[in-house]
């Protein structure tokens, strides 16, 4: 069953996505894991953990990946990422996270696994090398050797940018796309709203005063997001950028990042009538975005500029209609 699930929802696969994802429940689950790992005892037993991984490896692909990423595994141990969790055996916190992710993947719930993994790293940053280690950790947690190799199959990285004014559904779309591209658990979804809070030293859902929404803060937020994207692309991970991208210069930087990394770029621009956007913004709860109805109205009065090369999509319709059109744009033949 695990191998079938991995094939059905593999990189760029045609797995059937759920019509709705219980994001709140997945976020709560990730938060509980972050607390558990934060309370666990740090151990310097990095060598013991690496040996444990070698003993778990059943395929040549797994052993080769351990050898390739061995330095990163040991570096994480020196940084205190290996801890005594629950059963008392030394384990990297990402290895423990992977046990939950593989359970979801084997149930055919790859989209949920991606949301959970992204939320965990939004709350407990592990860097680009941490995300790049997750496919190996997930592979080693499955008991099906065939599925393990499927999970480690190369997936060429790419950069996908999802832009649009507040309330157009960027985050909802990004969550669904995250589970479809890149090796499991999928793409790293980087949200500008999360980076803005991180720069302020605050959790994602903490509301910020207007003083944090200046042009300088905007520039710092996008710079931090772009730097992270560059790091992840360097580690051959697929990246999805979730941000307004109101300014042409921001869109140009995103494209330049892809060109520099020599990976495909797709820009998706979501559009919806103001009344729909404002209603969506006003209905938000527990969201990283601080946008209000007034902010949404103000955005409508600002020029967006040239959207050349970006795919414009109407988002005031069912996700079942939006998603195939977006996927067609991402998976179109490249010259």
Protein backbone atom coordinates (compact mmCIF):
# COMPACT_ATOMS: atom_id res chain seq x y z
CA UNK A 1 0.00 0.00 0.00
CA UNK A 2 2.86 2.36 0.84
CA UNK A 3 4.43 1.94 -2.57
CA UNK A 4 1.09 2.56 -4.27
CA UNK A 5 0.57 5.72 -2.24
CA UNK A 6 4.04 6.96 -3.07
CA UNK A 7 3.47 6.36 -6.79
CA UNK A 8 0.00 7.89 -6.77
CA UNK A 9 1.14 11.06 -5.05
CA UNK A 10 4.74 11.15 -6.18
CA UNK A 11 6.50 14.20 -7.60
CA UNK A 12 4.19 15.82 -10.12
CA UNK A 13 1.78 12.92 -9.67
CA UNK A 14 -1.93 12.91 -10.28
CA UNK A 15 -2.97 12.09 -6.73
CA UNK A 16 -6.52 13.18 -5.90
CA UNK A 17 -6.34 16.06 -3.50
CA UNK A 18 -8.85 16.51 -0.69
CA UNK A 19 -11.48 19.14 -1.37
CA UNK A 20 -10.58 20.66 1.99
CA UNK A 21 -7.72 20.24 4.42
CA UNK A 22 -8.14 20.68 8.16
CA UNK A 23 -5.33 23.20 8.36
CA UNK A 24 -6.06 24.12 11.99
CA UNK A 25 -5.74 20.50 13.12
CA UNK A 26 -2.51 20.01 11.19
CA UNK A 27 -1.07 23.22 12.61
CA UNK A 28 -2.01 22.14 16.12
CA UNK A 29 -0.31 18.80 15.54
CA UNK A 30 2.86 20.50 14.35
CA UNK A 31 2.81 22.87 17.33
CA UNK A 32 2.52 19.91 19.72
CA UNK A 33 5.54 18.26 18.08
CA UNK A 34 7.58 21.45 18.33
CA UNK A 35 6.79 21.64 22.06
CA UNK A 36 7.66 17.96 22.57
CA UNK A 37 10.97 18.33 20.76
CA UNK A 38 11.76 21.54 22.61
CA UNK A 39 11.38 19.73 25.94
CA UNK A 40 13.44 16.67 24.90
CA UNK A 41 16.96 16.22 26.24
CA UNK A 42 19.73 17.18 23.82
CA UNK A 43 22.36 14.46 23.38
CA UNK A 44 25.74 14.56 21.61
CA UNK A 45 25.12 11.00 20.35
CA UNK A 46 25.23 11.99 16.70
CA UNK A 47 27.39 9.02 15.73
CA UNK A 48 24.92 6.62 17.37
CA UNK A 49 22.04 8.17 15.46
CA UNK A 50 23.89 7.99 12.15
CA UNK A 51 24.64 4.33 12.82
CA UNK A 52 20.94 3.81 13.53
CA UNK A 53 20.12 5.27 10.14
CA UNK A 54 22.59 2.94 8.43
CA UNK A 55 20.95 -0.03 10.14
CA UNK A 56 17.51 1.12 8.98
CA UNK A 57 18.66 1.54 5.36
CA UNK A 58 17.42 -1.35 3.22
CA UNK A 59 18.20 -0.07 -0.28
CA UNK A 60 21.19 1.21 -2.16
CA UNK A 61 19.42 4.54 -2.71
CA UNK A 62 19.00 5.02 1.03
CA UNK A 63 22.61 4.13 1.82
CA UNK A 64 23.84 6.40 -0.94
CA UNK A 65 21.74 9.29 0.36
CA UNK A 66 23.03 8.79 3.90
CA UNK A 67 26.59 8.96 2.58
CA UNK A 68 25.77 12.06 0.50
CA UNK A 69 24.10 13.90 3.38
CA UNK A 70 26.24 12.51 6.18
CA UNK A 71 27.96 15.82 6.84
CA UNK A 72 24.62 17.60 7.27
CA UNK A 73 23.39 14.85 9.62
CA UNK A 74 26.49 15.20 11.79
CA UNK A 75 26.34 18.99 11.67
CA UNK A 76 22.78 18.86 12.99
CA UNK A 77 23.92 16.64 15.85
CA UNK A 78 26.57 19.19 16.81
CA UNK A 79 23.88 21.89 16.67
CA UNK A 80 21.72 20.03 19.23
CA UNK A 81 19.15 18.62 16.81
CA UNK A 82 19.64 15.05 18.06
CA UNK A 83 17.62 14.44 21.22
CA UNK A 84 16.19 11.72 23.45
CA UNK A 85 12.56 11.59 22.32
CA UNK A 86 9.91 9.36 23.92
CA UNK A 87 11.56 5.94 23.51
CA UNK A 88 14.85 7.31 24.81
CA UNK A 89 16.84 6.45 21.68
CA UNK A 90 18.85 9.34 20.19
CA UNK A 91 17.07 10.74 17.15
CA UNK A 92 17.15 13.87 15.05
CA UNK A 93 13.96 15.83 15.59
CA UNK A 94 13.32 15.70 11.83
CA UNK A 95 13.50 11.91 11.95
CA UNK A 96 10.78 11.94 14.60
CA UNK A 97 8.73 14.38 12.49
CA UNK A 98 9.16 12.02 9.52
CA UNK A 99 7.39 9.20 11.37
CA UNK A 100 4.21 11.31 11.37
CA UNK A 101 4.70 12.41 7.78
CA UNK A 102 5.12 8.88 6.42
CA UNK A 103 1.94 7.76 8.19
CA UNK A 104 0.01 10.45 6.32
CA UNK A 105 1.72 9.67 3.01
CA UNK A 106 0.93 5.96 3.31
CA UNK A 107 -2.73 6.92 3.81
CA UNK A 108 -2.64 8.84 0.52
CA UNK A 109 -2.64 12.17 2.38
CA UNK A 110 0.45 13.75 0.89
CA UNK A 111 -1.07 17.25 0.86
CA UNK A 112 -1.61 17.08 4.63
CA UNK A 113 1.94 15.79 5.15
CA UNK A 114 3.27 18.81 3.28
CA UNK A 115 1.18 21.26 5.32
CA UNK A 116 2.34 19.64 8.57
CA UNK A 117 6.01 19.68 7.55
CA UNK A 118 5.90 23.30 6.43
CA UNK A 119 4.16 24.38 9.60
CA UNK A 120 6.75 22.59 11.73
CA UNK A 121 9.61 24.38 10.00
CA UNK A 122 7.79 27.71 10.10
CA UNK A 123 7.64 27.35 13.89
CA UNK A 124 11.02 25.68 14.35
CA UNK A 125 13.32 26.78 11.51
CA UNK A 126 15.71 24.04 10.40
CA UNK A 127 17.29 25.78 7.43
CA UNK A 128 17.36 24.67 3.81
CA UNK A 129 19.55 21.65 4.60
CA UNK A 130 16.97 20.50 7.16
CA UNK A 131 14.19 20.50 4.56
CA UNK A 132 16.50 18.74 2.10
CA UNK A 133 17.05 15.95 4.67
CA UNK A 134 13.34 15.24 5.09
CA UNK A 135 12.96 12.97 2.02
CA UNK A 136 15.69 10.70 3.42
CA UNK A 137 14.13 10.74 6.90
CA UNK A 138 10.71 9.92 5.45
CA UNK A 139 12.17 7.13 3.30
CA UNK A 140 13.88 5.53 6.31
CA UNK A 141 10.64 5.61 8.30
CA UNK A 142 8.68 3.52 5.80
CA UNK A 143 8.75 -0.27 6.10
CA UNK A 144 8.20 -0.83 2.37
CA UNK A 145 11.50 -0.98 0.48
CA UNK A 146 9.83 -0.26 -2.88
CA UNK A 147 8.12 2.82 -1.47
CA UNK A 148 11.40 3.93 0.12
CA UNK A 149 13.11 4.09 -3.26
CA UNK A 150 10.13 5.85 -4.86
CA UNK A 151 10.30 8.51 -2.16
CA UNK A 152 13.97 9.14 -2.99
CA UNK A 153 13.56 9.41 -6.74
CA UNK A 154 15.05 12.68 -8.03
CA UNK A 155 12.56 15.49 -8.61
CA UNK A 156 14.08 18.43 -10.51
CA UNK A 157 13.66 21.58 -8.38
CA UNK A 158 11.62 24.53 -9.56
CA UNK A 159 10.43 27.87 -8.26
CA UNK A 160 6.72 28.69 -8.20
CA UNK A 161 5.51 32.12 -7.13
CA UNK A 162 1.87 32.60 -6.13
CA UNK A 163 0.96 36.29 -6.03
CA UNK A 164 -2.15 38.42 -5.88
CA UNK A 165 -3.84 40.98 -3.68
CA UNK A 166 -4.92 40.04 -0.17
CA UNK A 167 -7.89 37.70 -0.10
CA UNK A 168 -7.34 36.02 -3.47
CA UNK A 169 -6.60 32.63 -1.91
CA UNK A 170 -2.80 32.48 -2.33
CA UNK A 171 -2.17 30.43 0.80
CA UNK A 172 -4.96 27.95 0.08
CA UNK A 173 -3.58 27.32 -3.40
CA UNK A 174 0.02 27.14 -2.18
CA UNK A 175 -0.92 24.50 0.39
CA UNK A 176 -2.43 22.28 -2.30
CA UNK A 177 0.48 22.79 -4.68
CA UNK A 178 3.03 22.05 -1.96
CA UNK A 179 2.13 18.38 -1.84
CA UNK A 180 2.36 17.95 -5.61
CA UNK A 181 5.90 19.08 -6.42
CA UNK A 182 9.31 18.03 -5.20
CA UNK A 183 10.27 14.87 -3.33
CA UNK A 184 8.13 13.98 -0.33
CA UNK A 185 7.08 15.77 1.73
CA UNK A 186 6.99 18.10 -1.28
CA UNK A 187 7.79 21.76 -1.84
CA UNK A 188 8.92 24.19 0.82
CA UNK A 189 6.22 26.86 0.98
CA UNK A 190 7.68 30.21 2.03
CA UNK A 191 5.13 32.84 3.11
CA UNK A 192 6.08 36.49 3.30
CA UNK A 193 3.75 36.92 6.30
CA UNK A 194 5.68 34.28 8.25
CA UNK A 195 9.00 35.98 7.48
CA UNK A 196 7.65 39.36 8.60
CA UNK A 197 6.75 37.87 11.99
CA UNK A 198 10.04 36.01 12.23
CA UNK A 199 12.01 39.20 11.66
CA UNK A 200 10.04 40.71 14.55
CA UNK A 201 10.87 37.68 16.71
CA UNK A 202 7.23 36.64 16.96
CA UNK A 203 5.11 33.55 16.17
CA UNK A 204 3.33 33.60 12.78
CA UNK A 205 -0.16 34.45 14.07
CA UNK A 206 0.89 37.34 16.33
CA UNK A 207 -0.64 40.53 15.00
CA UNK A 208 1.76 43.35 14.26
CA UNK A 209 1.04 47.08 14.57
CA UNK A 210 1.04 49.30 11.46
CA UNK A 211 4.61 50.38 12.27
CA UNK A 212 5.79 46.99 10.96
CA UNK A 213 4.19 47.64 7.57
CA UNK A 214 6.50 50.25 6.10
CA UNK A 215 8.36 50.14 2.81
CA UNK A 216 11.53 49.34 4.72
CA UNK A 217 9.88 46.44 6.53
CA UNK A 218 8.42 45.22 3.24
CA UNK A 219 11.86 45.24 1.65
CA UNK A 220 13.41 43.38 4.58
CA UNK A 221 10.62 40.80 4.54
CA UNK A 222 10.99 40.03 0.84
CA UNK A 223 14.78 40.00 1.13
CA UNK A 224 14.62 37.39 3.90
CA UNK A 225 12.13 35.29 1.93
CA UNK A 226 14.23 35.47 -1.24
CA UNK A 227 17.41 34.52 0.65
CA UNK A 228 15.66 31.47 2.07
CA UNK A 229 14.33 30.53 -1.37
CA UNK A 230 17.84 30.78 -2.80
CA UNK A 231 19.19 28.50 -0.06
CA UNK A 232 16.47 25.91 -0.65
CA UNK A 233 17.00 25.93 -4.42
CA UNK A 234 20.73 25.42 -3.82
CA UNK A 235 19.77 22.28 -1.89
CA UNK A 236 17.71 21.16 -4.92
CA UNK A 237 14.37 21.59 -3.17
CA UNK A 238 11.30 22.90 -4.97
CA UNK A 239 10.10 26.22 -3.54
CA UNK A 240 6.71 27.93 -3.57
CA UNK A 241 6.65 31.63 -2.70
CA UNK A 242 3.37 32.87 -1.20
CA UNK A 243 3.31 36.67 -1.20
CA UNK A 244 1.36 39.61 -2.62
CA UNK A 245 4.11 40.53 -5.13
CA UNK A 246 2.43 43.90 -5.67
CA UNK A 247 5.59 45.54 -6.98
CA UNK A 248 7.10 44.64 -10.32
CA UNK A 249 10.60 44.64 -8.78
CA UNK A 250 9.58 41.86 -6.38
CA UNK A 251 8.31 39.74 -9.24
CA UNK A 252 11.50 40.35 -11.19
CA UNK A 253 13.66 39.24 -8.27
CA UNK A 254 11.69 35.99 -7.99
CA UNK A 255 12.29 35.26 -11.68
CA UNK A 256 15.96 36.20 -11.36
CA UNK A 257 16.36 33.72 -8.49
CA UNK A 258 15.12 30.92 -10.72
CA UNK A 259 17.38 31.97 -13.57
CA UNK A 260 20.38 32.12 -11.25
CA UNK A 261 19.61 28.64 -9.92
CA UNK A 262 18.86 27.39 -13.45
CA UNK A 263 15.47 26.01 -12.48
CA UNK A 264 12.06 26.47 -14.13
CA UNK A 265 10.01 29.43 -12.93
CA UNK A 266 6.23 29.80 -12.91
CA UNK A 267 4.47 32.94 -11.75
CA UNK A 268 0.79 32.59 -10.85
CA UNK A 269 -1.24 35.78 -10.33
CA UNK A 270 -4.62 35.30 -8.64
CA UNK A 271 -7.43 37.79 -9.21
CA UNK A 272 -10.87 38.20 -7.66
CA UNK A 273 -13.48 40.99 -7.37
CA UNK A 274 -12.90 43.36 -4.46
CA UNK A 275 -16.09 42.28 -2.68
CA UNK A 276 -14.94 38.66 -2.69
CA UNK A 277 -11.44 39.54 -1.51
CA UNK A 278 -12.66 41.76 1.31
CA UNK A 279 -15.18 39.17 2.47
CA UNK A 280 -12.43 36.56 2.56
CA UNK A 281 -10.07 38.82 4.50
CA UNK A 282 -12.76 39.75 7.03
CA UNK A 283 -13.56 36.07 7.62
CA UNK A 284 -9.97 35.09 8.46
CA UNK A 285 -9.08 33.72 11.89
CA UNK A 286 -5.75 32.43 13.16
CA UNK A 287 -3.92 33.54 10.02
CA UNK A 288 -0.37 34.84 9.64
CA UNK A 289 -1.64 37.72 7.52
CA UNK A 290 -2.52 40.98 9.26
CA UNK A 291 -4.39 42.32 6.24
CA UNK A 292 -7.73 43.94 6.99
CA UNK A 293 -10.60 44.93 4.74
CA UNK A 294 -9.17 48.44 4.54
CA UNK A 295 -5.75 47.08 3.55
CA UNK A 296 -7.44 45.03 0.82
CA UNK A 297 -9.24 48.14 -0.47
CA UNK A 298 -6.02 50.17 -0.44
CA UNK A 299 -4.24 47.51 -2.50
CA UNK A 300 -6.92 47.87 -5.18
CA UNK A 301 -5.98 51.53 -5.58
CA UNK A 302 -2.30 50.77 -6.22
CA UNK A 303 -1.00 49.95 -9.70
CA UNK A 304 0.30 46.43 -10.17
CA UNK A 305 2.26 47.13 -13.31
CA UNK A 306 3.28 44.71 -16.03
CA UNK A 307 2.45 41.05 -15.29
CA UNK A 308 4.32 39.84 -18.34
CA UNK A 309 5.14 36.15 -18.07
CA UNK A 310 2.84 35.52 -15.08
CA UNK A 311 -0.29 33.42 -15.52
CA UNK A 312 -3.41 35.32 -14.48
CA UNK A 313 -6.09 33.17 -12.87
CA UNK A 314 -9.56 34.03 -11.58
CA UNK A 315 -9.76 32.74 -8.03
CA UNK A 316 -13.43 33.49 -7.28
CA UNK A 317 -14.42 29.98 -8.29
CA UNK A 318 -14.09 26.45 -6.93
CA UNK A 319 -10.57 25.21 -6.21
CA UNK A 320 -11.41 22.11 -8.28
CA UNK A 321 -11.43 24.44 -11.31
CA UNK A 322 -8.46 26.59 -10.33
CA UNK A 323 -6.02 23.81 -9.49
CA UNK A 324 -6.00 22.05 -12.91
CA UNK A 325 -5.42 25.37 -14.68
CA UNK A 326 -2.53 26.21 -12.35
CA UNK A 327 -1.01 22.77 -12.76
CA UNK A 328 -1.24 23.08 -16.54
CA UNK A 329 0.72 26.33 -16.33
CA UNK A 330 3.38 24.80 -14.07
CA UNK A 331 3.75 21.61 -16.09
CA UNK A 332 3.64 23.20 -19.54
CA UNK A 333 6.45 22.19 -21.93
CA UNK A 334 9.48 24.47 -21.66
CA UNK A 335 11.48 25.71 -24.59
